[in-house]
Amino acid sequence: MSDAPKHPPDPASELASDSSTIDPRDFRNALGTFATGVTIVTAMSVEGRPYGITCNSFASVSLNPPLVLWSLGMFSQGLPIFQNASHFTVNVLDASQQTLAMQFAKSSGDKFAGVSWTPGLGNAPVLADVVANFQCRAANRYYGGDHVIFLGAVEAYAYSVNSPLLFSRGGFGRFLADDGDKPS
């Protein structure tokens, strides 16, 4: 018997079916062991209204050209806004912005109430006091399971030395550096 992984003849059909042996809740718990940064991804709707969602599926893709990605659930009410936007901004939250993360995680209400922001490229909102922002041209999107993966070409960015907000195991936290193990 071989220890080689057994792949179905058509992986796409396995992803689209209910035949997976993996328990979705347990899989989510396993993924939760990987600490991520917390972002709010923003765009301007075609009607001229700002829109944003809390997202922790942000990742760098390439330095040259500068590319980033993030993903959004296929059934998110904001999906049409991001699919039609020419630009989006990934706003990396400061460790003190947990309340802001929760405000943008809700599916209803005026998420921008009381939020300071300026229009960035393509009028995508750039939030104030974030650790970093990446203003991106919507370069492409890919369909992956129950999500759409957005690829962004970074056209402008800014960052500070503040500490980022982290998310792991269903809760928020911050990074504590171990000063004894600094690389030389």
C-alpha atoms as a PDB file:
ATOM      1  CA  MET A   1       0.000   0.000   0.000  1.00  0.00           C
ATOM      2  CA  SER A   2       1.309   3.436  -0.915  1.00  0.00           C
ATOM      3  CA  ASP A   3       1.370   6.498   1.346  1.00  0.00           C
ATOM      4  CA  ALA A   4       0.922   8.719  -1.726  1.00  0.00           C
ATOM      5  CA  PRO A   5      -2.128  11.000  -1.546  1.00  0.00           C
ATOM      6  CA  LYS A   6      -5.124   9.764  -3.467  1.00  0.00           C
ATOM      7  CA  HIS A   7      -6.564  12.453  -5.685  1.00  0.00           C
ATOM      8  CA  PRO A   8      -9.943  12.159  -7.361  1.00  0.00           C
ATOM      9  CA  PRO A   9      -9.871  12.186 -11.164  1.00  0.00           C
ATOM     10  CA  ASP A  10     -11.569  15.597 -11.176  1.00  0.00           C
ATOM     11  CA  PRO A  11     -10.743  17.646  -8.040  1.00  0.00           C
ATOM     12  CA  ALA A  12     -13.191  20.372  -9.087  1.00  0.00           C
ATOM     13  CA  SER A  13     -16.109  17.972  -8.868  1.00  0.00           C
ATOM     14  CA  GLU A  14     -15.036  16.883  -5.378  1.00  0.00           C
ATOM     15  CA  LEU A  15     -14.931  20.522  -4.252  1.00  0.00           C
ATOM     16  CA  ALA A  16     -18.378  21.160  -5.676  1.00  0.00           C
ATOM     17  CA  SER A  17     -19.989  18.085  -4.122  1.00  0.00           C
ATOM     18  CA  ASP A  18     -21.003  16.937  -0.669  1.00  0.00           C
ATOM     19  CA  SER A  19     -18.747  13.876  -0.907  1.00  0.00           C
ATOM     20  CA  SER A  20     -15.841  15.285   1.110  1.00  0.00           C
ATOM     21  CA  THR A  21     -14.966  13.338   4.240  1.00  0.00           C
ATOM     22  CA  ILE A  22     -13.739  16.511   5.960  1.00  0.00           C
ATOM     23  CA  ASP A  23     -16.024  17.951   8.644  1.00  0.00           C
ATOM     24  CA  PRO A  24     -16.418  21.686   7.772  1.00  0.00           C
ATOM     25  CA  ARG A  25     -16.668  22.839  11.431  1.00  0.00           C
ATOM     26  CA  ASP A  26     -13.594  20.861  12.475  1.00  0.00           C
ATOM     27  CA  PHE A  27     -11.705  22.088   9.386  1.00  0.00           C
ATOM     28  CA  ARG A  28     -12.580  25.667  10.354  1.00  0.00           C
ATOM     29  CA  ASN A  29     -11.242  25.009  13.866  1.00  0.00           C
ATOM     30  CA  ALA A  30      -7.980  23.707  12.398  1.00  0.00           C
ATOM     31  CA  LEU A  31      -7.650  26.773  10.154  1.00  0.00           C
ATOM     32  CA  GLY A  32      -8.250  28.960  13.219  1.00  0.00           C
ATOM     33  CA  THR A  33      -4.924  27.841  14.668  1.00  0.00           C
ATOM     34  CA  PHE A  34      -3.198  30.005  12.050  1.00  0.00           C
ATOM     35  CA  ALA A  35      -3.057  33.576  13.354  1.00  0.00           C
ATOM     36  CA  THR A  36      -3.856  36.187  10.724  1.00  0.00           C
ATOM     37  CA  GLY A  37      -3.958  39.924  10.536  1.00  0.00           C
ATOM     38  CA  VAL A  38      -7.341  41.625  10.435  1.00  0.00           C
ATOM     39  CA  THR A  39      -8.241  43.888   7.542  1.00  0.00           C
ATOM     40  CA  ILE A  40     -11.190  45.855   6.270  1.00  0.00           C
ATOM     41  CA  VAL A  41     -11.431  45.698   2.500  1.00  0.00           C
ATOM     42  CA  THR A  42     -13.232  48.682   0.990  1.00  0.00           C
ATOM     43  CA  ALA A  43     -14.566  49.735  -2.398  1.00  0.00           C
ATOM     44  CA  MET A  44     -16.953  52.310  -3.818  1.00  0.00           C
ATOM     45  CA  SER A  45     -20.227  50.979  -5.244  1.00  0.00           C
ATOM     46  CA  VAL A  46     -21.328  52.005  -8.737  1.00  0.00           C
ATOM     47  CA  GLU A  47     -23.971  54.157  -6.993  1.00  0.00           C
ATOM     48  CA  GLY A  48     -21.206  56.074  -5.187  1.00  0.00           C
ATOM     49  CA  ARG A  49     -21.677  54.548  -1.721  1.00  0.00           C
ATOM     50  CA  PRO A  50     -18.657  53.355   0.281  1.00  0.00           C
ATOM     51  CA  TYR A  51     -18.675  49.676   1.183  1.00  0.00           C
ATOM     52  CA  GLY A  52     -16.410  47.591   3.388  1.00  0.00           C
ATOM     53  CA  ILE A  53     -16.084  44.205   5.045  1.00  0.00           C
ATOM     54  CA  THR A  54     -13.872  42.729   7.733  1.00  0.00           C
ATOM     55  CA  CYS A  55     -11.556  40.165   6.187  1.00  0.00           C
ATOM     56  CA  ASN A  56      -8.704  37.987   7.416  1.00  0.00           C
ATOM     57  CA  SER A  57      -8.076  36.116   4.161  1.00  0.00           C
ATOM     58  CA  PHE A  58      -5.546  38.707   2.961  1.00  0.00           C
ATOM     59  CA  ALA A  59      -2.123  37.587   1.664  1.00  0.00           C
ATOM     60  CA  SER A  60       0.781  38.854  -0.393  1.00  0.00           C
ATOM     61  CA  VAL A  61       1.276  37.164  -3.758  1.00  0.00           C
ATOM     62  CA  SER A  62       4.203  38.850  -5.483  1.00  0.00           C
ATOM     63  CA  LEU A  63       6.732  41.635  -4.931  1.00  0.00           C
ATOM     64  CA  ASN A  64       7.387  42.210  -8.633  1.00  0.00           C
ATOM     65  CA  PRO A  65       4.810  43.015  -9.806  1.00  0.00           C
ATOM     66  CA  PRO A  66       3.289  43.972  -6.434  1.00  0.00           C
ATOM     67  CA  LEU A  67       0.214  41.759  -6.042  1.00  0.00           C
ATOM     68  CA  VAL A  68      -2.028  40.843  -3.098  1.00  0.00           C
ATOM     69  CA  LEU A  69      -5.119  38.686  -2.742  1.00  0.00           C
ATOM     70  CA  TRP A  70      -8.129  38.278  -0.497  1.00  0.00           C
ATOM     71  CA  SER A  71     -11.264  36.199  -0.713  1.00  0.00           C
ATOM     72  CA  LEU A  72     -14.966  36.788  -0.205  1.00  0.00           C
ATOM     73  CA  GLY A  73     -17.785  34.285   0.281  1.00  0.00           C
ATOM     74  CA  MET A  74     -19.779  33.520  -2.828  1.00  0.00           C
ATOM     75  CA  PHE A  75     -23.031  34.509  -1.110  1.00  0.00           C
ATOM     76  CA  SER A  76     -21.814  37.752   0.494  1.00  0.00           C
ATOM     77  CA  GLN A  77     -24.141  40.707  -0.074  1.00  0.00           C
ATOM     78  CA  GLY A  78     -21.069  42.776  -0.990  1.00  0.00           C
ATOM     79  CA  LEU A  79     -19.892  40.463  -3.769  1.00  0.00           C
ATOM     80  CA  PRO A  80     -21.475  42.504  -6.610  1.00  0.00           C
ATOM     81  CA  ILE A  81     -19.820  45.684  -5.279  1.00  0.00           C
ATOM     82  CA  PHE A  82     -16.333  44.179  -5.370  1.00  0.00           C
ATOM     83  CA  GLN A  83     -16.954  42.430  -8.702  1.00  0.00           C
ATOM     84  CA  ASN A  84     -17.857  45.769 -10.304  1.00  0.00           C
ATOM     85  CA  ALA A  85     -15.264  47.983  -8.572  1.00  0.00           C
ATOM     86  CA  SER A  86     -12.211  49.100 -10.513  1.00  0.00           C
ATOM     87  CA  HIS A  87     -10.225  49.417  -7.249  1.00  0.00           C
ATOM     88  CA  PHE A  88     -10.299  48.222  -3.669  1.00  0.00           C
ATOM     89  CA  THR A  89      -8.290  49.115  -0.578  1.00  0.00           C
ATOM     90  CA  VAL A  90      -7.035  46.610   1.969  1.00  0.00           C
ATOM     91  CA  ASN A  91      -6.866  48.435   5.328  1.00  0.00           C
ATOM     92  CA  VAL A  92      -4.763  46.538   7.910  1.00  0.00           C
ATOM     93  CA  LEU A  93      -6.198  47.248  11.359  1.00  0.00           C
ATOM     94  CA  ASP A  94      -4.289  48.559  14.361  1.00  0.00           C
ATOM     95  CA  ALA A  95      -4.312  46.448  17.546  1.00  0.00           C
ATOM     96  CA  SER A  96      -6.684  49.010  19.105  1.00  0.00           C
ATOM     97  CA  GLN A  97      -9.309  48.699  16.329  1.00  0.00           C
ATOM     98  CA  GLN A  98     -11.201  45.580  17.413  1.00  0.00           C
ATOM     99  CA  THR A  99     -14.459  47.565  17.653  1.00  0.00           C
ATOM    100  CA  LEU A 100     -13.982  48.743  14.062  1.00  0.00           C
ATOM    101  CA  ALA A 101     -13.394  45.150  12.939  1.00  0.00           C
ATOM    102  CA  MET A 102     -16.683  44.110  14.570  1.00  0.00           C
ATOM    103  CA  GLN A 103     -18.531  47.101  13.058  1.00  0.00           C
ATOM    104  CA  PHE A 104     -17.532  46.056   9.528  1.00  0.00           C
ATOM    105  CA  ALA A 105     -18.182  42.353  10.238  1.00  0.00           C
ATOM    106  CA  LYS A 106     -21.915  43.016  10.596  1.00  0.00           C
ATOM    107  CA  SER A 107     -24.041  42.516   7.502  1.00  0.00           C
ATOM    108  CA  SER A 108     -26.360  45.453   8.113  1.00  0.00           C
ATOM    109  CA  GLY A 109     -26.352  49.073   9.181  1.00  0.00           C
ATOM    110  CA  ASP A 110     -24.186  51.999   8.149  1.00  0.00           C
ATOM    111  CA  LYS A 111     -20.733  50.526   8.596  1.00  0.00           C
ATOM    112  CA  PHE A 112     -19.087  53.896   7.909  1.00  0.00           C
ATOM    113  CA  ALA A 113     -20.996  55.736  10.680  1.00  0.00           C
ATOM    114  CA  GLY A 114     -18.396  57.586  12.758  1.00  0.00           C
ATOM    115  CA  VAL A 115     -15.502  56.242  10.667  1.00  0.00           C
ATOM    116  CA  SER A 116     -12.891  58.659   9.364  1.00  0.00           C
ATOM    117  CA  TRP A 117     -11.779  57.896   5.812  1.00  0.00           C
ATOM    118  CA  THR A 118     -10.585  59.524   2.606  1.00  0.00           C
ATOM    119  CA  PRO A 119     -11.212  58.452  -0.988  1.00  0.00           C
ATOM    120  CA  GLY A 120      -8.289  56.562  -2.478  1.00  0.00           C
ATOM    121  CA  LEU A 121      -7.695  55.251  -5.980  1.00  0.00           C
ATOM    122  CA  GLY A 122     -10.999  54.502  -7.691  1.00  0.00           C
ATOM    123  CA  ASN A 123     -12.592  56.258  -4.686  1.00  0.00           C
ATOM    124  CA  ALA A 124     -12.080  53.121  -2.569  1.00  0.00           C
ATOM    125  CA  PRO A 125     -12.102  54.291   1.070  1.00  0.00           C
ATOM    126  CA  VAL A 126      -8.775  54.515   2.889  1.00  0.00           C
ATOM    127  CA  LEU A 127      -9.521  54.275   6.601  1.00  0.00           C
ATOM    128  CA  ALA A 128      -7.775  56.570   9.088  1.00  0.00           C
ATOM    129  CA  ASP A 129      -5.348  55.316  11.739  1.00  0.00           C
ATOM    130  CA  VAL A 130      -4.792  51.858  10.259  1.00  0.00           C
ATOM    131  CA  VAL A 131      -1.404  50.115  10.422  1.00  0.00           C
ATOM    132  CA  ALA A 132      -1.190  49.877   6.627  1.00  0.00           C
ATOM    133  CA  ASN A 133      -3.268  50.274   3.517  1.00  0.00           C
ATOM    134  CA  PHE A 134      -2.850  48.795   0.073  1.00  0.00           C
ATOM    135  CA  GLN A 135      -4.714  50.581  -2.723  1.00  0.00           C
ATOM    136  CA  CYS A 136      -5.250  48.084  -5.504  1.00  0.00           C
ATOM    137  CA  ARG A 137      -6.511  47.946  -9.051  1.00  0.00           C
ATOM    138  CA  ALA A 138      -8.792  44.930  -9.338  1.00  0.00           C
ATOM    139  CA  ALA A 139      -6.556  42.788 -11.554  1.00  0.00           C
ATOM    140  CA  ASN A 140      -8.451  39.505 -11.640  1.00  0.00           C
ATOM    141  CA  ARG A 141     -10.716  37.164  -9.735  1.00  0.00           C
ATOM    142  CA  TYR A 142     -10.839  33.420  -9.453  1.00  0.00           C
ATOM    143  CA  TYR A 143     -13.516  31.076  -8.230  1.00  0.00           C
ATOM    144  CA  GLY A 144     -12.416  28.701  -5.492  1.00  0.00           C
ATOM    145  CA  GLY A 145     -15.017  26.530  -3.796  1.00  0.00           C
ATOM    146  CA  ASP A 146     -17.482  28.735  -1.947  1.00  0.00           C
ATOM    147  CA  HIS A 147     -15.353  31.893  -2.313  1.00  0.00           C
ATOM    148  CA  VAL A 148     -14.186  34.354  -4.936  1.00  0.00           C
ATOM    149  CA  ILE A 149     -10.478  35.180  -4.774  1.00  0.00           C
ATOM    150  CA  PHE A 150      -9.687  38.781  -5.692  1.00  0.00           C
ATOM    151  CA  LEU A 151      -6.224  39.552  -7.042  1.00  0.00           C
ATOM    152  CA  GLY A 152      -5.148  43.162  -6.636  1.00  0.00           C
ATOM    153  CA  ALA A 153      -2.323  45.035  -8.367  1.00  0.00           C
ATOM    154  CA  VAL A 154      -0.981  47.359  -5.674  1.00  0.00           C
ATOM    155  CA  GLU A 155      -0.761  50.908  -7.044  1.00  0.00           C
ATOM    156  CA  ALA A 156      -0.177  52.763  -3.750  1.00  0.00           C
ATOM    157  CA  TYR A 157       0.412  51.851  -0.122  1.00  0.00           C
ATOM    158  CA  ALA A 158       1.312  53.338   3.245  1.00  0.00           C
ATOM    159  CA  TYR A 159       2.216  51.882   6.628  1.00  0.00           C
ATOM    160  CA  SER A 160       3.203  52.771  10.194  1.00  0.00           C
ATOM    161  CA  VAL A 161       5.153  51.118  13.001  1.00  0.00           C
ATOM    162  CA  ASN A 162       2.020  50.503  15.107  1.00  0.00           C
ATOM    163  CA  SER A 163       1.046  46.963  16.123  1.00  0.00           C
ATOM    164  CA  PRO A 164      -1.489  45.100  13.963  1.00  0.00           C
ATOM    165  CA  LEU A 165      -4.676  43.468  15.208  1.00  0.00           C
ATOM    166  CA  LEU A 166      -4.476  39.663  15.012  1.00  0.00           C
ATOM    167  CA  PHE A 167      -7.150  36.961  14.886  1.00  0.00           C
ATOM    168  CA  SER A 168      -6.733  33.332  15.960  1.00  0.00           C
ATOM    169  CA  ARG A 169      -9.002  30.600  17.368  1.00  0.00           C
ATOM    170  CA  GLY A 170     -12.049  32.862  17.104  1.00  0.00           C
ATOM    171  CA  GLY A 171     -10.602  35.776  19.065  1.00  0.00           C
ATOM    172  CA  PHE A 172      -8.634  38.996  18.678  1.00  0.00           C
ATOM    173  CA  GLY A 173      -5.151  39.632  20.019  1.00  0.00           C
ATOM    174  CA  ARG A 174      -1.829  41.305  19.386  1.00  0.00           C
ATOM    175  CA  PHE A 175       1.709  40.221  18.628  1.00  0.00           C
ATOM    176  CA  LEU A 176       4.177  40.183  21.517  1.00  0.00           C
ATOM    177  CA  ALA A 177       7.738  40.185  20.248  1.00  0.00           C
ATOM    178  CA  ASP A 178      10.294  37.933  21.891  1.00  0.00           C
ATOM    179  CA  ASP A 179      13.174  40.416  21.991  1.00  0.00           C
ATOM    180  CA  GLY A 180      15.632  37.658  22.921  1.00  0.00           C
ATOM    181  CA  ASP A 181      15.372  36.013  19.513  1.00  0.00           C
ATOM    182  CA  LYS A 182      15.916  38.954  17.184  1.00  0.00           C
ATOM    183  CA  PRO A 183      17.656  37.944  13.946  1.00  0.00           C
ATOM    184  CA  SER A 184      21.077  39.489  13.469  1.00  0.00           C
END
